[in-house]
Amino acid sequence: MKKTSVFGRCEFELPQDAFCVEIKMPCGSVALIPIFERQRAEFSYDHRGYERVLPVGELGLEARFTARAAGVHEMTAYDTRRNVLQNVAFEAEDTGLGGYVVVSEDDPRYFSLSCGSPYVPIGINMVETNYDPLPESMNHFTASKKTATVGMKQWRRWFAQLRAAGANYCRIWLSNTYTLALPCSSAEAFWIMDEAPGDVAITGGGVSLPTFVHGCVIRMVKAV
């Protein structure tokens, strides 16, 4: 049986003709969860350490679910005629994750986790990653207009340093050059933002992806 954690992310690859997905909870209630198109990607690095993000495989349908209670859940995918296309049972185990960051029920001036534990965000704004100018052809002493970045490698190093310093929060700007949120239709932007929150992995913490930047609301055309 597939295993996941309470408040962990569970992913399901779906048949191409899937129309809707339902999750049956341990308590017996049923929830409808969204389906989205996903193109998987691979982060590779050249001999200088600079990053390339390339598509892997075909564009497919997926669904994601976060269990809020321990116990056996059941995922069922249907087509437009409610024929069952896929049925998967999975068990969510309580691993001590605190859950979502919410407004405290005891005192709305403060934050807490879903489990009720107090939460004080300690972290940084992550606005950008470094871009280096590349040399002009074989003339290594002349910089061209082309640039390159080590990208996710640098972010992972920063995430590790944050964890070591006791941080529990990271606010990643969607408007920076690396995440390519402008234009937000770029497939590479979604690959990066799909990878980053999982790599943060700050125990008991959270990730904020603000779309409100300098008075301009950025409308995301697809879910990350």
C-alpha atoms as a PDB file:
ATOM      1  CA  MET A   1       0.000   0.000   0.000  1.00  0.00           C
ATOM      2  CA  LYS A   2       1.211   3.499  -0.868  1.00  0.00           C
ATOM      3  CA  LYS A   3       2.475   5.420   2.188  1.00  0.00           C
ATOM      4  CA  THR A   4       2.456   9.134   2.909  1.00  0.00           C
ATOM      5  CA  SER A   5       2.669  11.439   5.925  1.00  0.00           C
ATOM      6  CA  VAL A   6      -0.056  13.489   7.525  1.00  0.00           C
ATOM      7  CA  PHE A   7       0.449  16.977   6.015  1.00  0.00           C
ATOM      8  CA  GLY A   8       2.835  15.461   3.437  1.00  0.00           C
ATOM      9  CA  ARG A   9       2.324  15.652  -0.328  1.00  0.00           C
ATOM     10  CA  CYS A  10       0.907  12.614  -2.118  1.00  0.00           C
ATOM     11  CA  GLU A  11       1.065  12.583  -5.941  1.00  0.00           C
ATOM     12  CA  PHE A  12      -0.979  10.503  -8.393  1.00  0.00           C
ATOM     13  CA  GLU A  13      -0.249  10.039 -12.105  1.00  0.00           C
ATOM     14  CA  LEU A  14      -3.588   9.702 -13.884  1.00  0.00           C
ATOM     15  CA  PRO A  15      -4.890   8.234 -17.165  1.00  0.00           C
ATOM     16  CA  GLN A  16      -5.226  10.786 -19.961  1.00  0.00           C
ATOM     17  CA  ASP A  17      -9.027  10.458 -20.014  1.00  0.00           C
ATOM     18  CA  ALA A  18      -9.417  11.164 -16.285  1.00  0.00           C
ATOM     19  CA  PHE A  19     -12.094  13.792 -15.648  1.00  0.00           C
ATOM     20  CA  CYS A  20     -12.339  13.996 -11.860  1.00  0.00           C
ATOM     21  CA  VAL A  21     -10.655  12.556  -8.769  1.00  0.00           C
ATOM     22  CA  GLU A  22     -12.201  11.830  -5.394  1.00  0.00           C
ATOM     23  CA  ILE A  23     -10.489  11.047  -2.099  1.00  0.00           C
ATOM     24  CA  LYS A  24     -12.301   8.996   0.520  1.00  0.00           C
ATOM     25  CA  MET A  25     -11.112   9.912   4.018  1.00  0.00           C
ATOM     26  CA  PRO A  26     -10.687   7.539   6.986  1.00  0.00           C
ATOM     27  CA  CYS A  27     -13.818   9.130   8.510  1.00  0.00           C
ATOM     28  CA  GLY A  28     -15.853   8.205   5.423  1.00  0.00           C
ATOM     29  CA  SER A  29     -16.247  11.692   3.922  1.00  0.00           C
ATOM     30  CA  VAL A  30     -15.322  12.270   0.272  1.00  0.00           C
ATOM     31  CA  ALA A  31     -13.393  15.224  -1.184  1.00  0.00           C
ATOM     32  CA  LEU A  32     -13.076  16.270  -4.828  1.00  0.00           C
ATOM     33  CA  ILE A  33      -9.516  17.347  -5.737  1.00  0.00           C
ATOM     34  CA  PRO A  34      -8.319  19.171  -8.867  1.00  0.00           C
ATOM     35  CA  ILE A  35      -6.562  17.577 -11.847  1.00  0.00           C
ATOM     36  CA  PHE A  36      -3.772  19.425 -13.650  1.00  0.00           C
ATOM     37  CA  GLU A  37      -1.355  18.919 -16.534  1.00  0.00           C
ATOM     38  CA  ARG A  38       2.249  18.388 -15.523  1.00  0.00           C
ATOM     39  CA  GLN A  39       5.432  18.144 -17.538  1.00  0.00           C
ATOM     40  CA  ARG A  40       8.240  16.669 -15.447  1.00  0.00           C
ATOM     41  CA  ALA A  41      11.667  18.250 -15.714  1.00  0.00           C
ATOM     42  CA  GLU A  42      15.294  17.490 -14.979  1.00  0.00           C
ATOM     43  CA  PHE A  43      17.827  19.904 -13.516  1.00  0.00           C
ATOM     44  CA  SER A  44      21.226  19.280 -15.140  1.00  0.00           C
ATOM     45  CA  TYR A  45      24.543  21.140 -14.896  1.00  0.00           C
ATOM     46  CA  ASP A  46      27.348  21.669 -17.384  1.00  0.00           C
ATOM     47  CA  HIS A  47      31.082  21.365 -16.679  1.00  0.00           C
ATOM     48  CA  ARG A  48      31.115  24.894 -15.248  1.00  0.00           C
ATOM     49  CA  GLY A  49      28.218  24.154 -12.901  1.00  0.00           C
ATOM     50  CA  TYR A  50      25.647  26.223 -14.764  1.00  0.00           C
ATOM     51  CA  GLU A  51      22.090  24.962 -14.773  1.00  0.00           C
ATOM     52  CA  ARG A  52      19.773  23.776 -17.533  1.00  0.00           C
ATOM     53  CA  VAL A  53      16.158  22.765 -16.909  1.00  0.00           C
ATOM     54  CA  LEU A  54      14.908  20.280 -19.494  1.00  0.00           C
ATOM     55  CA  PRO A  55      11.585  18.456 -19.957  1.00  0.00           C
ATOM     56  CA  VAL A  56      11.458  14.726 -19.221  1.00  0.00           C
ATOM     57  CA  GLY A  57       8.823  12.402 -20.680  1.00  0.00           C
ATOM     58  CA  GLU A  58       5.404  13.366 -21.961  1.00  0.00           C
ATOM     59  CA  LEU A  59       2.878  15.880 -20.699  1.00  0.00           C
ATOM     60  CA  GLY A  60       0.506  14.022 -18.375  1.00  0.00           C
ATOM     61  CA  LEU A  61      -2.328  14.445 -15.909  1.00  0.00           C
ATOM     62  CA  GLU A  62      -1.719  14.428 -12.167  1.00  0.00           C
ATOM     63  CA  ALA A  63      -3.507  15.058  -8.907  1.00  0.00           C
ATOM     64  CA  ARG A  64      -2.090  15.925  -5.492  1.00  0.00           C
ATOM     65  CA  PHE A  65      -3.497  15.529  -2.032  1.00  0.00           C
ATOM     66  CA  THR A  66      -2.409  16.426   1.493  1.00  0.00           C
ATOM     67  CA  ALA A  67      -3.828  14.183   4.209  1.00  0.00           C
ATOM     68  CA  ARG A  68      -4.873  15.951   7.389  1.00  0.00           C
ATOM     69  CA  ALA A  69      -5.604  12.825   9.419  1.00  0.00           C
ATOM     70  CA  ALA A  70      -3.846   9.486   9.926  1.00  0.00           C
ATOM     71  CA  GLY A  71      -5.379   6.349   8.446  1.00  0.00           C
ATOM     72  CA  VAL A  72      -6.204   4.666   5.146  1.00  0.00           C
ATOM     73  CA  HIS A  73      -7.436   6.893   2.320  1.00  0.00           C
ATOM     74  CA  GLU A  74      -8.729   5.888  -1.106  1.00  0.00           C
ATOM     75  CA  MET A  75      -8.178   7.760  -4.388  1.00  0.00           C
ATOM     76  CA  THR A  76     -10.573   7.078  -7.281  1.00  0.00           C
ATOM     77  CA  ALA A  77     -10.262   8.619 -10.759  1.00  0.00           C
ATOM     78  CA  TYR A  78     -13.320   8.734 -13.041  1.00  0.00           C
ATOM     79  CA  ASP A  79     -13.960   9.564 -16.683  1.00  0.00           C
ATOM     80  CA  THR A  80     -16.802  11.808 -17.864  1.00  0.00           C
ATOM     81  CA  ARG A  81     -19.310   8.948 -17.508  1.00  0.00           C
ATOM     82  CA  ARG A  82     -18.235   8.172 -13.933  1.00  0.00           C
ATOM     83  CA  ASN A  83     -16.491   4.972 -15.004  1.00  0.00           C
ATOM     84  CA  VAL A  84     -13.665   4.083 -12.601  1.00  0.00           C
ATOM     85  CA  LEU A  85     -10.299   4.471 -14.315  1.00  0.00           C
ATOM     86  CA  GLN A  86      -7.985   4.141 -11.315  1.00  0.00           C
ATOM     87  CA  ASN A  87      -8.334   3.227  -7.673  1.00  0.00           C
ATOM     88  CA  VAL A  88      -5.468   3.536  -5.175  1.00  0.00           C
ATOM     89  CA  ALA A  89      -5.504   2.991  -1.420  1.00  0.00           C
ATOM     90  CA  PHE A  90      -2.858   4.816   0.591  1.00  0.00           C
ATOM     91  CA  GLU A  91      -2.093   5.207   4.257  1.00  0.00           C
ATOM     92  CA  ALA A  92      -1.195   8.489   5.943  1.00  0.00           C
ATOM     93  CA  GLU A  93       1.045   8.111   8.978  1.00  0.00           C
ATOM     94  CA  ASP A  94       1.455  10.710  11.706  1.00  0.00           C
ATOM     95  CA  THR A  95       5.134  11.724  11.567  1.00  0.00           C
ATOM     96  CA  GLY A  96       4.864  14.806  13.760  1.00  0.00           C
ATOM     97  CA  LEU A  97       4.542  17.434  11.012  1.00  0.00           C
ATOM     98  CA  GLY A  98       2.752  20.444  12.440  1.00  0.00           C
ATOM     99  CA  GLY A  99       0.592  21.126   9.394  1.00  0.00           C
ATOM    100  CA  TYR A 100      -0.380  24.406   7.796  1.00  0.00           C
ATOM    101  CA  VAL A 101       0.414  27.858   9.114  1.00  0.00           C
ATOM    102  CA  VAL A 102      -2.890  29.381  10.253  1.00  0.00           C
ATOM    103  CA  VAL A 103      -4.158  32.260  12.381  1.00  0.00           C
ATOM    104  CA  SER A 104      -4.171  31.145  16.003  1.00  0.00           C
ATOM    105  CA  GLU A 105      -7.600  30.262  17.350  1.00  0.00           C
ATOM    106  CA  ASP A 106      -6.451  31.234  20.848  1.00  0.00           C
ATOM    107  CA  ASP A 107      -5.245  34.695  19.857  1.00  0.00           C
ATOM    108  CA  PRO A 108      -5.788  36.014  16.281  1.00  0.00           C
ATOM    109  CA  ARG A 109      -2.826  38.365  16.663  1.00  0.00           C
ATOM    110  CA  TYR A 110      -0.502  35.365  16.285  1.00  0.00           C
ATOM    111  CA  PHE A 111       0.113  32.397  14.005  1.00  0.00           C
ATOM    112  CA  SER A 112      -0.030  28.718  14.881  1.00  0.00           C
ATOM    113  CA  LEU A 113       0.264  25.369  13.105  1.00  0.00           C
ATOM    114  CA  SER A 114      -2.734  23.179  12.313  1.00  0.00           C
ATOM    115  CA  CYS A 115      -1.898  21.043  15.347  1.00  0.00           C
ATOM    116  CA  GLY A 116      -2.268  24.097  17.597  1.00  0.00           C
ATOM    117  CA  SER A 117       1.427  24.669  18.289  1.00  0.00           C
ATOM    118  CA  PRO A 118       2.513  28.337  18.195  1.00  0.00           C
ATOM    119  CA  TYR A 119       4.401  29.428  15.094  1.00  0.00           C
ATOM    120  CA  VAL A 120       6.771  32.396  14.875  1.00  0.00           C
ATOM    121  CA  PRO A 121       8.176  32.761  11.334  1.00  0.00           C
ATOM    122  CA  ILE A 122      11.951  33.176  11.247  1.00  0.00           C
ATOM    123  CA  GLY A 123      13.478  33.412   7.794  1.00  0.00           C
ATOM    124  CA  ILE A 124      14.241  35.551   4.779  1.00  0.00           C
ATOM    125  CA  ASN A 125      12.945  37.031   1.553  1.00  0.00           C
ATOM    126  CA  MET A 126      14.502  35.015  -1.278  1.00  0.00           C
ATOM    127  CA  VAL A 127      14.443  37.428  -4.190  1.00  0.00           C
ATOM    128  CA  GLU A 128      17.003  36.236  -6.713  1.00  0.00           C
ATOM    129  CA  THR A 129      19.845  33.914  -7.590  1.00  0.00           C
ATOM    130  CA  ASN A 130      23.136  35.059  -9.110  1.00  0.00           C
ATOM    131  CA  TYR A 131      23.602  35.359 -12.868  1.00  0.00           C
ATOM    132  CA  ASP A 132      27.119  35.458 -14.318  1.00  0.00           C
ATOM    133  CA  PRO A 133      28.043  37.029 -17.682  1.00  0.00           C
ATOM    134  CA  LEU A 134      29.430  34.470 -20.118  1.00  0.00           C
ATOM    135  CA  PRO A 135      32.570  35.116 -22.209  1.00  0.00           C
ATOM    136  CA  GLU A 136      32.252  36.360 -25.782  1.00  0.00           C
ATOM    137  CA  SER A 137      33.058  33.293 -27.947  1.00  0.00           C
ATOM    138  CA  MET A 138      36.665  32.178 -27.294  1.00  0.00           C
ATOM    139  CA  ASN A 139      37.684  35.620 -26.051  1.00  0.00           C
ATOM    140  CA  HIS A 140      37.528  34.892 -22.326  1.00  0.00           C
ATOM    141  CA  PHE A 141      38.398  38.472 -21.388  1.00  0.00           C
ATOM    142  CA  THR A 142      35.322  39.959 -23.084  1.00  0.00           C
ATOM    143  CA  ALA A 143      31.880  39.408 -21.555  1.00  0.00           C
ATOM    144  CA  SER A 144      28.912  38.764 -23.820  1.00  0.00           C
ATOM    145  CA  LYS A 145      25.294  39.688 -23.199  1.00  0.00           C
ATOM    146  CA  LYS A 146      24.520  36.043 -22.357  1.00  0.00           C
ATOM    147  CA  THR A 147      24.273  35.029 -18.706  1.00  0.00           C
ATOM    148  CA  ALA A 148      23.991  31.753 -16.791  1.00  0.00           C
ATOM    149  CA  THR A 149      23.138  30.679 -13.258  1.00  0.00           C
ATOM    150  CA  VAL A 150      23.829  27.766 -10.926  1.00  0.00           C
ATOM    151  CA  GLY A 151      20.158  28.148  -9.995  1.00  0.00           C
ATOM    152  CA  MET A 152      18.657  25.474  -7.779  1.00  0.00           C
ATOM    153  CA  LYS A 153      22.105  24.433  -6.512  1.00  0.00           C
ATOM    154  CA  GLN A 154      22.494  27.860  -4.962  1.00  0.00           C
ATOM    155  CA  TRP A 155      18.989  27.796  -3.528  1.00  0.00           C
ATOM    156  CA  ARG A 156      19.563  24.345  -1.995  1.00  0.00           C
ATOM    157  CA  ARG A 157      22.738  25.647  -0.350  1.00  0.00           C
ATOM    158  CA  TRP A 158      20.808  28.606   1.045  1.00  0.00           C
ATOM    159  CA  PHE A 159      18.002  26.302   2.263  1.00  0.00           C
ATOM    160  CA  ALA A 160      20.560  24.108   4.045  1.00  0.00           C
ATOM    161  CA  GLN A 161      22.126  27.153   5.712  1.00  0.00           C
ATOM    162  CA  LEU A 162      18.671  28.349   6.791  1.00  0.00           C
ATOM    163  CA  ARG A 163      17.907  24.980   8.400  1.00  0.00           C
ATOM    164  CA  ALA A 164      21.271  24.989  10.181  1.00  0.00           C
ATOM    165  CA  ALA A 165      20.543  28.485  11.540  1.00  0.00           C
ATOM    166  CA  GLY A 166      17.156  27.424  12.900  1.00  0.00           C
ATOM    167  CA  ALA A 167      14.974  29.178  10.301  1.00  0.00           C
ATOM    168  CA  ASN A 168      11.442  27.919   9.705  1.00  0.00           C
ATOM    169  CA  TYR A 169      10.204  30.176   6.891  1.00  0.00           C
ATOM    170  CA  CYS A 170      11.163  31.312   3.387  1.00  0.00           C
ATOM    171  CA  ARG A 171       9.378  33.902   1.235  1.00  0.00           C
ATOM    172  CA  ILE A 172      10.224  33.298  -2.436  1.00  0.00           C
ATOM    173  CA  TRP A 173       9.408  36.159  -4.797  1.00  0.00           C
ATOM    174  CA  LEU A 174       7.665  34.971  -7.965  1.00  0.00           C
ATOM    175  CA  SER A 175       8.719  38.116  -9.820  1.00  0.00           C
ATOM    176  CA  ASN A 176      12.460  37.454  -9.842  1.00  0.00           C
ATOM    177  CA  THR A 177      14.459  36.548 -12.952  1.00  0.00           C
ATOM    178  CA  TYR A 178      15.052  32.941 -11.941  1.00  0.00           C
ATOM    179  CA  THR A 179      11.435  31.947 -11.345  1.00  0.00           C
ATOM    180  CA  LEU A 180      10.415  33.673 -14.584  1.00  0.00           C
ATOM    181  CA  ALA A 181       6.980  34.584 -13.277  1.00  0.00           C
ATOM    182  CA  LEU A 182       6.826  37.303 -15.933  1.00  0.00           C
ATOM    183  CA  PRO A 183       5.590  35.913 -18.258  1.00  0.00           C
ATOM    184  CA  CYS A 184       4.092  33.328 -15.911  1.00  0.00           C
ATOM    185  CA  SER A 185       3.121  31.062 -18.832  1.00  0.00           C
ATOM    186  CA  SER A 186       6.725  29.806 -19.048  1.00  0.00           C
ATOM    187  CA  ALA A 187       6.926  26.048 -18.424  1.00  0.00           C
ATOM    188  CA  GLU A 188      10.390  26.490 -16.877  1.00  0.00           C
ATOM    189  CA  ALA A 189       8.922  28.810 -14.233  1.00  0.00           C
ATOM    190  CA  PHE A 190       6.546  26.117 -13.057  1.00  0.00           C
ATOM    191  CA  TRP A 191       9.276  23.461 -12.996  1.00  0.00           C
ATOM    192  CA  ILE A 192      11.387  25.688 -10.751  1.00  0.00           C
ATOM    193  CA  MET A 193       8.523  26.618  -8.434  1.00  0.00           C
ATOM    194  CA  ASP A 194       7.420  22.977  -8.269  1.00  0.00           C
ATOM    195  CA  GLU A 195      10.925  21.968  -7.176  1.00  0.00           C
ATOM    196  CA  ALA A 196      11.705  24.762  -4.722  1.00  0.00           C
ATOM    197  CA  PRO A 197       9.096  24.258  -1.952  1.00  0.00           C
ATOM    198  CA  GLY A 198       9.968  20.573  -1.636  1.00  0.00           C
ATOM    199  CA  ASP A 199      13.648  21.422  -1.372  1.00  0.00           C
ATOM    200  CA  VAL A 200      13.094  23.937   1.407  1.00  0.00           C
ATOM    201  CA  ALA A 201      12.134  21.131   3.826  1.00  0.00           C
ATOM    202  CA  ILE A 202      12.458  23.415   6.838  1.00  0.00           C
ATOM    203  CA  THR A 203      11.101  21.408   9.767  1.00  0.00           C
ATOM    204  CA  GLY A 204       7.924  22.928  11.134  1.00  0.00           C
ATOM    205  CA  GLY A 205       8.158  25.835   8.721  1.00  0.00           C
ATOM    206  CA  GLY A 206       6.497  27.119   5.620  1.00  0.00           C
ATOM    207  CA  VAL A 207       7.020  28.608   2.187  1.00  0.00           C
ATOM    208  CA  SER A 208       5.314  31.757   0.926  1.00  0.00           C
ATOM    209  CA  LEU A 209       5.045  32.442  -2.819  1.00  0.00           C
ATOM    210  CA  PRO A 210       3.825  36.064  -3.016  1.00  0.00           C
ATOM    211  CA  THR A 211       2.129  37.170  -6.239  1.00  0.00           C
ATOM    212  CA  PHE A 212       1.611  40.762  -5.075  1.00  0.00           C
ATOM    213  CA  VAL A 213       4.733  42.693  -6.031  1.00  0.00           C
ATOM    214  CA  HIS A 214       5.193  46.476  -5.838  1.00  0.00           C
ATOM    215  CA  GLY A 215       1.485  47.202  -6.241  1.00  0.00           C
ATOM    216  CA  CYS A 216       0.977  44.916  -9.247  1.00  0.00           C
ATOM    217  CA  VAL A 217      -0.989  41.674  -8.932  1.00  0.00           C
ATOM    218  CA  ILE A 218       0.432  38.853 -11.063  1.00  0.00           C
ATOM    219  CA  ARG A 219      -2.299  36.464 -12.210  1.00  0.00           C
ATOM    220  CA  MET A 220      -1.021  32.886 -12.242  1.00  0.00           C
ATOM    221  CA  VAL A 221      -2.480  31.026 -15.225  1.00  0.00           C
ATOM    222  CA  LYS A 222      -1.759  27.549 -13.844  1.00  0.00           C
ATOM    223  CA  ALA A 223      -1.472  26.027 -10.408  1.00  0.00           C
ATOM    224  CA  VAL A 224       2.054  25.255  -9.216  1.00  0.00           C
END
